[in-house]
Amino acid sequence: IYLYGISPRYYNYMSKLLSLIPPDTPNPFQTPPISVRGNIVNQTNP
């Protein structure tokens, strides 16, 4: 069992992501089902 400390922004991001993926998905980043925007920005072409 692992426990991770996370930021409020990441908490909000994961709440959106986990609500959209099938339960028990091993890696929620593997196949994002929808364009959930994170904190990474394209500085060249937004």
All heavy atoms as atom14 arrays in JSON, in Angstrom:
{
  "sequence": "IYLYGISPRYYNYMSKLLSLIPPDTPNPFQTPPISVRGNIVNQTNP",
  "atom14_mask": [
    [1, 1, 1, 1, 1, 1, 1, 1, 0, 0, 0, 0, 0, 0],
    [1, 1, 1, 1, 1, 1, 1, 1, 1, 1, 1, 1, 0, 0],
    [1, 1, 1, 1, 1, 1, 1, 1, 0, 0, 0, 0, 0, 0],
    [1, 1, 1, 1, 1, 1, 1, 1, 1, 1, 1, 1, 0, 0],
    [1, 1, 1, 1, 0, 0, 0, 0, 0, 0, 0, 0, 0, 0],
    [1, 1, 1, 1, 1, 1, 1, 1, 0, 0, 0, 0, 0, 0],
    [1, 1, 1, 1, 1, 1, 0, 0, 0, 0, 0, 0, 0, 0],
    [1, 1, 1, 1, 1, 1, 1, 0, 0, 0, 0, 0, 0, 0],
    [1, 1, 1, 1, 1, 1, 1, 1, 1, 1, 1, 0, 0, 0],
    [1, 1, 1, 1, 1, 1, 1, 1, 1, 1, 1, 1, 0, 0],
    [1, 1, 1, 1, 1, 1, 1, 1, 1, 1, 1, 1, 0, 0],
    [1, 1, 1, 1, 1, 1, 1, 1, 0, 0, 0, 0, 0, 0],
    [1, 1, 1, 1, 1, 1, 1, 1, 1, 1, 1, 1, 0, 0],
    [1, 1, 1, 1, 1, 1, 1, 1, 0, 0, 0, 0, 0, 0],
    [1, 1, 1, 1, 1, 1, 0, 0, 0, 0, 0, 0, 0, 0],
    [1, 1, 1, 1, 1, 1, 1, 1, 1, 0, 0, 0, 0, 0],
    [1, 1, 1, 1, 1, 1, 1, 1, 0, 0, 0, 0, 0, 0],
    [1, 1, 1, 1, 1, 1, 1, 1, 0, 0, 0, 0, 0, 0],
    [1, 1, 1, 1, 1, 1, 0, 0, 0, 0, 0, 0, 0, 0],
    [1, 1, 1, 1, 1, 1, 1, 1, 0, 0, 0, 0, 0, 0],
    [1, 1, 1, 1, 1, 1, 1, 1, 0, 0, 0, 0, 0, 0],
    [1, 1, 1, 1, 1, 1, 1, 0, 0, 0, 0, 0, 0, 0],
    [1, 1, 1, 1, 1, 1, 1, 0, 0, 0, 0, 0, 0, 0],
    [1, 1, 1, 1, 1, 1, 1, 1, 0, 0, 0, 0, 0, 0],
    [1, 1, 1, 1, 1, 1, 1, 0, 0, 0, 0, 0, 0, 0],
    [1, 1, 1, 1, 1, 1, 1, 0, 0, 0, 0, 0, 0, 0],
    [1, 1, 1, 1, 1, 1, 1, 1, 0, 0, 0, 0, 0, 0],
    [1, 1, 1, 1, 1, 1, 1, 0, 0, 0, 0, 0, 0, 0],
    [1, 1, 1, 1, 1, 1, 1, 1, 1, 1, 1, 0, 0, 0],
    [1, 1, 1, 1, 1, 1, 1, 1, 1, 0, 0, 0, 0, 0],
    [1, 1, 1, 1, 1, 1, 1, 0, 0, 0, 0, 0, 0, 0],
    [1, 1, 1, 1, 1, 1, 1, 0, 0, 0, 0, 0, 0, 0],
    [1, 1, 1, 1, 1, 1, 1, 0, 0, 0, 0, 0, 0, 0],
    [1, 1, 1, 1, 1, 1, 1, 1, 0, 0, 0, 0, 0, 0],
    [1, 1, 1, 1, 1, 1, 0, 0, 0, 0, 0, 0, 0, 0],
    [1, 1, 1, 1, 1, 1, 1, 0, 0, 0, 0, 0, 0, 0],
    [1, 1, 1, 1, 1, 1, 1, 1, 1, 1, 1, 0, 0, 0],
    [1, 1, 1, 1, 0, 0, 0, 0, 0, 0, 0, 0, 0, 0],
    [1, 1, 1, 1, 1, 1, 1, 1, 0, 0, 0, 0, 0, 0],
    [1, 1, 1, 1, 1, 1, 1, 1, 0, 0, 0, 0, 0, 0],
    [1, 1, 1, 1, 1, 1, 1, 0, 0, 0, 0, 0, 0, 0],
    [1, 1, 1, 1, 1, 1, 1, 1, 0, 0, 0, 0, 0, 0],
    [1, 1, 1, 1, 1, 1, 1, 1, 1, 0, 0, 0, 0, 0],
    [1, 1, 1, 1, 1, 1, 1, 0, 0, 0, 0, 0, 0, 0],
    [1, 1, 1, 1, 1, 1, 1, 1, 0, 0, 0, 0, 0, 0],
    [1, 1, 1, 1, 1, 1, 1, 0, 0, 0, 0, 0, 0, 0]
  ],
  "atom14_positions": [
    [[0.86, -1.18, 0.0], [0.0, 0.0, 0.0], [0.9, 1.24, 0.0], [1.79, 1.37, 0.84], [-0.93, 0.02, 1.22], [-1.78, -1.25, 1.25], [-1.82, 1.27, 1.21], [-2.52, -1.47, 2.55], [0.0, 0.0, 0.0], [0.0, 0.0, 0.0], [0.0, 0.0, 0.0], [0.0, 0.0, 0.0], [0.0, 0.0, 0.0], [0.0, 0.0, 0.0]],
    [[0.67, 2.14, -0.95], [1.43, 3.38, -1.06], [0.52, 4.57, -0.74], [-0.66, 4.58, -1.1], [2.0, 3.57, -2.46], [3.19, 2.72, -2.78], [3.05, 1.44, -3.33], [4.49, 3.18, -2.53], [4.16, 0.65, -3.62], [5.6, 2.41, -2.83], [5.42, 1.16, -3.37], [6.53, 0.38, -3.66], [0.0, 0.0, 0.0], [0.0, 0.0, 0.0]],
    [[1.11, 5.57, -0.1], [0.45, 6.84, 0.15], [1.34, 7.94, -0.4], [2.53, 7.99, -0.09], [0.21, 7.04, 1.65], [-0.54, 8.3, 2.05], [-2.0, 8.22, 1.58], [-0.48, 8.51, 3.56], [0.0, 0.0, 0.0], [0.0, 0.0, 0.0], [0.0, 0.0, 0.0], [0.0, 0.0, 0.0], [0.0, 0.0, 0.0], [0.0, 0.0, 0.0]],
    [[0.76, 8.83, -1.24], [1.52, 9.9, -1.89], [0.96, 11.25, -1.44], [-0.26, 11.44, -1.37], [1.39, 9.82, -3.41], [1.79, 8.51, -4.02], [0.88, 7.47, -4.17], [3.09, 8.32, -4.51], [1.25, 6.27, -4.75], [3.46, 7.12, -5.11], [2.53, 6.1, -5.21], [2.89, 4.91, -5.81], [0.0, 0.0, 0.0], [0.0, 0.0, 0.0]],
    [[1.85, 12.21, -1.19], [1.42, 13.58, -1.0], [1.29, 14.26, -2.35], [2.19, 14.16, -3.19], [0.0, 0.0, 0.0], [0.0, 0.0, 0.0], [0.0, 0.0, 0.0], [0.0, 0.0, 0.0], [0.0, 0.0, 0.0], [0.0, 0.0, 0.0], [0.0, 0.0, 0.0], [0.0, 0.0, 0.0], [0.0, 0.0, 0.0], [0.0, 0.0, 0.0]],
    [[0.18, 14.95, -2.59], [-0.06, 15.58, -3.89], [-0.52, 17.03, -3.68], [-1.02, 17.4, -2.62], [-1.1, 14.82, -4.74], [-2.44, 14.72, -4.02], [-0.57, 13.43, -5.08], [-3.53, 14.06, -4.84], [0.0, 0.0, 0.0], [0.0, 0.0, 0.0], [0.0, 0.0, 0.0], [0.0, 0.0, 0.0], [0.0, 0.0, 0.0], [0.0, 0.0, 0.0]],
    [[-0.37, 17.83, -4.71], [-0.77, 19.23, -4.65], [-2.27, 19.37, -4.88], [-2.91, 18.48, -5.46], [-0.01, 20.03, -5.71], [-0.43, 19.64, -7.02], [0.0, 0.0, 0.0], [0.0, 0.0, 0.0], [0.0, 0.0, 0.0], [0.0, 0.0, 0.0], [0.0, 0.0, 0.0], [0.0, 0.0, 0.0], [0.0, 0.0, 0.0], [0.0, 0.0, 0.0]],
    [[-2.87, 20.49, -4.46], [-4.3, 20.71, -4.72], [-4.63, 20.67, -6.21], [-5.69, 20.15, -6.6], [-4.57, 22.1, -4.13], [-3.5, 22.3, -3.11], [-2.3, 21.57, -3.64], [0.0, 0.0, 0.0], [0.0, 0.0, 0.0], [0.0, 0.0, 0.0], [0.0, 0.0, 0.0], [0.0, 0.0, 0.0], [0.0, 0.0, 0.0], [0.0, 0.0, 0.0]],
    [[-3.74, 21.2, -7.04], [-4.01, 21.21, -8.48], [-4.01, 19.79, -9.05], [-4.83, 19.44, -9.89], [-2.98, 22.08, -9.2], [-3.27, 22.25, -10.68], [-2.27, 23.19, -11.33], [-2.53, 23.33, -12.76], [-1.77, 24.03, -13.59], [-0.72, 24.68, -13.13], [-2.07, 24.08, -14.87], [0.0, 0.0, 0.0], [0.0, 0.0, 0.0], [0.0, 0.0, 0.0]],
    [[-3.05, 18.98, -8.58], [-3.03, 17.59, -9.05], [-4.25, 16.83, -8.54], [-4.79, 15.97, -9.25], [-1.74, 16.91, -8.59], [-1.57, 15.51, -9.15], [-1.32, 15.32, -10.51], [-1.66, 14.38, -8.34], [-1.17, 14.04, -11.04], [-1.5, 13.11, -8.86], [-1.25, 12.96, -10.2], [-1.11, 11.68, -10.73], [0.0, 0.0, 0.0], [0.0, 0.0, 0.0]],
    [[-4.68, 17.12, -7.34], [-5.9, 16.51, -6.79], [-7.1, 16.81, -7.7], [-7.88, 15.91, -8.04], [-6.14, 17.06, -5.39], [-7.44, 16.61, -4.74], [-7.49, 15.44, -4.0], [-8.59, 17.38, -4.86], [-8.68, 15.04, -3.39], [-9.78, 16.98, -4.27], [-9.82, 15.81, -3.53], [-10.99, 15.42, -2.93], [0.0, 0.0, 0.0], [0.0, 0.0, 0.0]],
    [[-7.24, 18.05, -8.13], [-8.36, 18.41, -9.01], [-8.23, 17.73, -10.37], [-9.23, 17.28, -10.96], [-8.4, 19.93, -9.19], [-8.8, 20.65, -7.91], [-9.52, 20.1, -7.08], [-8.32, 21.89, -7.75], [0.0, 0.0, 0.0], [0.0, 0.0, 0.0], [0.0, 0.0, 0.0], [0.0, 0.0, 0.0], [0.0, 0.0, 0.0], [0.0, 0.0, 0.0]],
    [[-7.0, 17.65, -10.87], [-6.77, 16.98, -12.15], [-7.16, 15.51, -12.08], [-7.86, 14.98, -12.94], [-5.3, 17.14, -12.54], [-4.87, 16.27, -13.7], [-5.15, 16.63, -15.02], [-4.17, 15.08, -13.48], [-4.75, 15.84, -16.08], [-3.76, 14.29, -14.54], [-4.05, 14.67, -15.83], [-3.66, 13.86, -16.88], [0.0, 0.0, 0.0], [0.0, 0.0, 0.0]],
    [[-6.69, 14.82, -11.02], [-6.98, 13.4, -10.89], [-8.45, 13.13, -10.64], [-8.98, 12.1, -11.08], [-6.14, 12.81, -9.75], [-4.68, 12.6, -10.09], [-4.41, 11.46, -11.47], [-5.01, 9.93, -10.75], [0.0, 0.0, 0.0], [0.0, 0.0, 0.0], [0.0, 0.0, 0.0], [0.0, 0.0, 0.0], [0.0, 0.0, 0.0], [0.0, 0.0, 0.0]],
    [[-9.14, 14.03, -9.96], [-10.57, 13.83, -9.74], [-11.32, 13.81, -11.06], [-12.28, 13.03, -11.24], [-11.13, 14.92, -8.82], [-11.09, 16.19, -9.45], [0.0, 0.0, 0.0], [0.0, 0.0, 0.0], [0.0, 0.0, 0.0], [0.0, 0.0, 0.0], [0.0, 0.0, 0.0], [0.0, 0.0, 0.0], [0.0, 0.0, 0.0], [0.0, 0.0, 0.0]],
    [[-10.89, 14.63, -12.01], [-11.51, 14.62, -13.33], [-11.12, 13.36, -14.11], [-11.96, 12.72, -14.73], [-11.09, 15.86, -14.11], [-11.55, 17.17, -13.51], [-11.01, 18.35, -14.28], [-11.42, 19.68, -13.65], [-10.84, 20.84, -14.36], [0.0, 0.0, 0.0], [0.0, 0.0, 0.0], [0.0, 0.0, 0.0], [0.0, 0.0, 0.0], [0.0, 0.0, 0.0]],
    [[-9.84, 13.01, -14.05], [-9.35, 11.88, -14.83], [-9.94, 10.57, -14.33], [-10.42, 9.75, -15.13], [-7.82, 11.82, -14.76], [-7.13, 10.76, -15.61], [-7.41, 11.0, -17.08], [-5.64, 10.75, -15.35], [0.0, 0.0, 0.0], [0.0, 0.0, 0.0], [0.0, 0.0, 0.0], [0.0, 0.0, 0.0], [0.0, 0.0, 0.0], [0.0, 0.0, 0.0]],
    [[-9.96, 10.35, -13.02], [-10.45, 9.09, -12.46], [-11.96, 8.92, -12.67], [-12.46, 7.8, -12.69], [-10.12, 9.0, -10.98], [-8.63, 8.84, -10.65], [-8.4, 8.92, -9.15], [-8.08, 7.53, -11.2], [0.0, 0.0, 0.0], [0.0, 0.0, 0.0], [0.0, 0.0, 0.0], [0.0, 0.0, 0.0], [0.0, 0.0, 0.0], [0.0, 0.0, 0.0]],
    [[-12.67, 10.03, -12.83], [-14.11, 9.93, -13.06], [-14.44, 9.5, -14.48], [-15.58, 9.13, -14.77], [-14.78, 11.28, -12.77], [-14.43, 12.25, -13.75], [0.0, 0.0, 0.0], [0.0, 0.0, 0.0], [0.0, 0.0, 0.0], [0.0, 0.0, 0.0], [0.0, 0.0, 0.0], [0.0, 0.0, 0.0], [0.0, 0.0, 0.0], [0.0, 0.0, 0.0]],
    [[-13.44, 9.51, -15.37], [-13.69, 9.23, -16.79], [-13.12, 7.9, -17.27], [-13.43, 7.47, -18.37], [-13.09, 10.35, -17.65], [-13.74, 11.73, -17.48], [-12.91, 12.79, -18.17], [-15.16, 11.72, -18.04], [0.0, 0.0, 0.0], [0.0, 0.0, 0.0], [0.0, 0.0, 0.0], [0.0, 0.0, 0.0], [0.0, 0.0, 0.0], [0.0, 0.0, 0.0]],
    [[-12.3, 7.25, -16.44], [-11.69, 5.99, -16.88], [-12.38, 4.82, -16.22], [-12.99, 4.96, -15.15], [-10.18, 5.96, -16.56], [-9.95, 5.98, -15.05], [-9.45, 7.09, -17.25], [-8.51, 5.8, -14.65], [0.0, 0.0, 0.0], [0.0, 0.0, 0.0], [0.0, 0.0, 0.0], [0.0, 0.0, 0.0], [0.0, 0.0, 0.0], [0.0, 0.0, 0.0]],
    [[-12.31, 3.63, -16.84], [-12.9, 2.45, -16.22], [-12.24, 2.15, -14.88], [-11.05, 2.41, -14.69], [-12.61, 1.32, -17.24], [-12.35, 2.03, -18.52], [-11.74, 3.35, -18.16], [0.0, 0.0, 0.0], [0.0, 0.0, 0.0], [0.0, 0.0, 0.0], [0.0, 0.0, 0.0], [0.0, 0.0, 0.0], [0.0, 0.0, 0.0], [0.0, 0.0, 0.0]],
    [[-12.99, 1.62, -13.89], [-12.39, 1.29, -12.61], [-11.31, 0.23, -12.74], [-11.34, -0.61, -13.64], [-13.58, 0.75, -11.78], [-14.6, 0.34, -12.79], [-14.41, 1.26, -13.96], [0.0, 0.0, 0.0], [0.0, 0.0, 0.0], [0.0, 0.0, 0.0], [0.0, 0.0, 0.0], [0.0, 0.0, 0.0], [0.0, 0.0, 0.0], [0.0, 0.0, 0.0]],
    [[-10.32, 0.3, -11.83], [-9.22, -0.67, -11.76], [-8.3, -0.6, -12.97], [-7.6, -1.56, -13.29], [-9.73, -2.11, -11.59], [-10.56, -2.26, -10.33], [-10.29, -1.52, -9.36], [-11.45, -3.12, -10.31], [0.0, 0.0, 0.0], [0.0, 0.0, 0.0], [0.0, 0.0, 0.0], [0.0, 0.0, 0.0], [0.0, 0.0, 0.0], [0.0, 0.0, 0.0]],
    [[-8.29, 0.54, -13.69], [-7.32, 0.71, -14.77], [-5.93, 0.82, -14.16], [-5.7, 1.69, -13.31], [-7.64, 1.97, -15.58], [-8.94, 1.83, -16.16], [-6.6, 2.18, -16.68], [0.0, 0.0, 0.0], [0.0, 0.0, 0.0], [0.0, 0.0, 0.0], [0.0, 0.0, 0.0], [0.0, 0.0, 0.0], [0.0, 0.0, 0.0], [0.0, 0.0, 0.0]],
    [[-4.97, -0.05, -14.55], [-3.66, -0.03, -13.9], [-2.93, 1.29, -14.02], [-2.28, 1.73, -13.09], [-2.89, -1.15, -14.64], [-3.95, -2.03, -15.2], [-5.09, -1.13, -15.54], [0.0, 0.0, 0.0], [0.0, 0.0, 0.0], [0.0, 0.0, 0.0], [0.0, 0.0, 0.0], [0.0, 0.0, 0.0], [0.0, 0.0, 0.0], [0.0, 0.0, 0.0]],
    [[-3.03, 1.95, -15.17], [-2.32, 3.21, -15.37], [-3.25, 4.19, -16.06], [-3.51, 4.08, -17.25], [-1.07, 2.99, -16.22], [-0.27, 4.27, -16.4], [-0.67, 5.34, -15.94], [0.85, 4.17, -17.09], [0.0, 0.0, 0.0], [0.0, 0.0, 0.0], [0.0, 0.0, 0.0], [0.0, 0.0, 0.0], [0.0, 0.0, 0.0], [0.0, 0.0, 0.0]],
    [[-3.78, 5.19, -15.33], [-4.74, 6.11, -15.93], [-4.15, 6.96, -17.03], [-4.88, 7.56, -17.8], [-5.17, 6.98, -14.74], [-4.07, 6.85, -13.75], [-3.52, 5.47, -13.93], [0.0, 0.0, 0.0], [0.0, 0.0, 0.0], [0.0, 0.0, 0.0], [0.0, 0.0, 0.0], [0.0, 0.0, 0.0], [0.0, 0.0, 0.0], [0.0, 0.0, 0.0]],
    [[-2.81, 7.02, -17.16], [-2.18, 7.82, -18.22], [-2.0, 7.01, -19.5], [-1.63, 7.54, -20.53], [-0.82, 8.33, -17.75], [-0.91, 9.22, -16.55], [-0.59, 8.75, -15.3], [-1.34, 10.52, -16.68], [-0.68, 9.56, -14.19], [-1.44, 11.36, -15.57], [-1.1, 10.87, -14.33], [0.0, 0.0, 0.0], [0.0, 0.0, 0.0], [0.0, 0.0, 0.0]],
    [[-2.28, 5.71, -19.44], [-1.96, 4.85, -20.56], [-2.86, 5.16, -21.76], [-2.39, 5.27, -22.89], [-2.14, 3.39, -20.14], [-1.18, 2.45, -20.82], [-1.12, 1.11, -20.12], [-2.11, 0.63, -19.59], [0.04, 0.5, -20.11], [0.0, 0.0, 0.0], [0.0, 0.0, 0.0], [0.0, 0.0, 0.0], [0.0, 0.0, 0.0], [0.0, 0.0, 0.0]],
    [[-4.14, 5.29, -21.53], [-5.08, 5.56, -22.61], [-6.06, 6.64, -22.18], [-7.21, 6.34, -21.85], [-5.86, 4.28, -23.0], [-6.47, 3.74, -21.81], [-4.96, 3.25, -23.61], [0.0, 0.0, 0.0], [0.0, 0.0, 0.0], [0.0, 0.0, 0.0], [0.0, 0.0, 0.0], [0.0, 0.0, 0.0], [0.0, 0.0, 0.0], [0.0, 0.0, 0.0]],
    [[-5.65, 7.91, -22.16], [-6.57, 8.97, -21.75], [-7.81, 8.98, -22.62], [-7.71, 9.08, -23.84], [-5.74, 10.24, -21.95], [-4.32, 9.78, -21.89], [-4.33, 8.41, -22.49], [0.0, 0.0, 0.0], [0.0, 0.0, 0.0], [0.0, 0.0, 0.0], [0.0, 0.0, 0.0], [0.0, 0.0, 0.0], [0.0, 0.0, 0.0], [0.0, 0.0, 0.0]],
    [[-9.03, 8.84, -22.03], [-10.24, 8.71, -22.83], [-10.76, 10.04, -23.35], [-11.64, 10.09, -24.17], [-11.23, 8.12, -21.83], [-10.78, 8.65, -20.51], [-9.27, 8.76, -20.6], [0.0, 0.0, 0.0], [0.0, 0.0, 0.0], [0.0, 0.0, 0.0], [0.0, 0.0, 0.0], [0.0, 0.0, 0.0], [0.0, 0.0, 0.0], [0.0, 0.0, 0.0]],
    [[-10.22, 11.13, -22.84], [-10.72, 12.44, -23.23], [-9.61, 13.45, -22.97], [-8.67, 13.17, -22.22], [-12.0, 12.8, -22.44], [-12.73, 13.97, -23.09], [-11.68, 13.07, -20.98], [-14.12, 14.2, -22.51], [0.0, 0.0, 0.0], [0.0, 0.0, 0.0], [0.0, 0.0, 0.0], [0.0, 0.0, 0.0], [0.0, 0.0, 0.0], [0.0, 0.0, 0.0]],
    [[-9.7, 14.62, -23.57], [-8.63, 15.61, -23.43], [-8.71, 16.31, -22.08], [-9.15, 17.46, -21.98], [-8.71, 16.62, -24.57], [-8.48, 15.99, -25.81], [0.0, 0.0, 0.0], [0.0, 0.0, 0.0], [0.0, 0.0, 0.0], [0.0, 0.0, 0.0], [0.0, 0.0, 0.0], [0.0, 0.0, 0.0], [0.0, 0.0, 0.0], [0.0, 0.0, 0.0]],
    [[-8.29, 15.63, -21.02], [-8.21, 16.25, -19.71], [-6.9, 17.02, -19.64], [-5.82, 16.44, -19.71], [-8.27, 15.19, -18.59], [-8.17, 15.85, -17.22], [-9.55, 14.37, -18.7], [0.0, 0.0, 0.0], [0.0, 0.0, 0.0], [0.0, 0.0, 0.0], [0.0, 0.0, 0.0], [0.0, 0.0, 0.0], [0.0, 0.0, 0.0], [0.0, 0.0, 0.0]],
    [[-7.0, 18.34, -19.5], [-5.82, 19.18, -19.53], [-5.11, 19.13, -18.19], [-5.71, 19.3, -17.14], [-6.21, 20.62, -19.86], [-6.9, 20.78, -21.23], [-5.91, 20.78, -22.35], [-5.11, 21.99, -22.34], [-5.45, 23.12, -22.97], [-6.59, 23.18, -23.65], [-4.66, 24.16, -22.94], [0.0, 0.0, 0.0], [0.0, 0.0, 0.0], [0.0, 0.0, 0.0]],
    [[-3.78, 18.92, -18.24], [-2.98, 18.93, -17.04], [-2.27, 20.25, -16.87], [-2.75, 21.3, -17.32], [0.0, 0.0, 0.0], [0.0, 0.0, 0.0], [0.0, 0.0, 0.0], [0.0, 0.0, 0.0], [0.0, 0.0, 0.0], [0.0, 0.0, 0.0], [0.0, 0.0, 0.0], [0.0, 0.0, 0.0], [0.0, 0.0, 0.0], [0.0, 0.0, 0.0]],
    [[-1.09, 20.23, -16.26], [-0.34, 21.47, -16.0], [0.77, 21.72, -17.0], [1.56, 22.65, -16.84], [0.24, 21.45, -14.58], [1.27, 20.34, -14.39], [1.32, 19.37, -15.16], [2.08, 20.45, -13.35], [0.0, 0.0, 0.0], [0.0, 0.0, 0.0], [0.0, 0.0, 0.0], [0.0, 0.0, 0.0], [0.0, 0.0, 0.0], [0.0, 0.0, 0.0]],
    [[0.86, 20.91, -18.06], [1.92, 21.04, -19.04], [1.45, 21.94, -20.18], [0.36, 21.73, -20.74], [2.35, 19.66, -19.57], [2.7, 18.73, -18.4], [3.54, 19.79, -20.51], [2.91, 17.3, -18.8], [0.0, 0.0, 0.0], [0.0, 0.0, 0.0], [0.0, 0.0, 0.0], [0.0, 0.0, 0.0], [0.0, 0.0, 0.0], [0.0, 0.0, 0.0]],
    [[2.26, 22.93, -20.53], [1.89, 23.93, -21.52], [2.86, 23.89, -22.69], [4.08, 23.77, -22.49], [1.89, 25.34, -20.9], [1.57, 26.4, -21.95], [0.89, 25.42, -19.75], [0.0, 0.0, 0.0], [0.0, 0.0, 0.0], [0.0, 0.0, 0.0], [0.0, 0.0, 0.0], [0.0, 0.0, 0.0], [0.0, 0.0, 0.0], [0.0, 0.0, 0.0]],
    [[2.32, 23.97, -23.89], [3.15, 24.11, -25.09], [3.47, 25.59, -25.25], [2.61, 26.39, -25.63], [2.41, 23.57, -26.31], [3.28, 23.55, -27.56], [4.19, 24.36, -27.71], [3.0, 22.62, -28.45], [0.0, 0.0, 0.0], [0.0, 0.0, 0.0], [0.0, 0.0, 0.0], [0.0, 0.0, 0.0], [0.0, 0.0, 0.0], [0.0, 0.0, 0.0]],
    [[4.7, 25.97, -24.96], [5.09, 27.38, -25.01], [5.22, 27.89, -26.44], [5.11, 29.09, -26.69], [6.42, 27.57, -24.27], [6.4, 27.17, -22.81], [5.57, 28.12, -21.96], [5.1, 29.15, -22.42], [5.4, 27.77, -20.69], [0.0, 0.0, 0.0], [0.0, 0.0, 0.0], [0.0, 0.0, 0.0], [0.0, 0.0, 0.0], [0.0, 0.0, 0.0]],
    [[5.46, 27.0, -27.39], [5.66, 27.39, -28.78], [4.34, 27.51, -29.52], [4.13, 28.46, -30.29], [6.55, 26.34, -29.49], [7.73, 26.13, -28.73], [6.93, 26.81, -30.89], [0.0, 0.0, 0.0], [0.0, 0.0, 0.0], [0.0, 0.0, 0.0], [0.0, 0.0, 0.0], [0.0, 0.0, 0.0], [0.0, 0.0, 0.0], [0.0, 0.0, 0.0]],
    [[3.45, 26.55, -29.3], [2.17, 26.51, -30.0], [1.09, 26.08, -29.01], [0.79, 24.9, -28.89], [2.25, 25.54, -31.18], [0.94, 25.44, -31.94], [0.03, 26.24, -31.75], [0.84, 24.44, -32.81], [0.0, 0.0, 0.0], [0.0, 0.0, 0.0], [0.0, 0.0, 0.0], [0.0, 0.0, 0.0], [0.0, 0.0, 0.0], [0.0, 0.0, 0.0]],
    [[0.48, 27.03, -28.28], [-0.49, 26.69, -27.23], [-1.66, 25.84, -27.72], [-2.22, 25.07, -26.93], [-0.96, 28.06, -26.73], [0.16, 28.99, -27.05], [0.75, 28.48, -28.34], [0.0, 0.0, 0.0], [0.0, 0.0, 0.0], [0.0, 0.0, 0.0], [0.0, 0.0, 0.0], [0.0, 0.0, 0.0], [0.0, 0.0, 0.0], [0.0, 0.0, 0.0]]
  ]
}
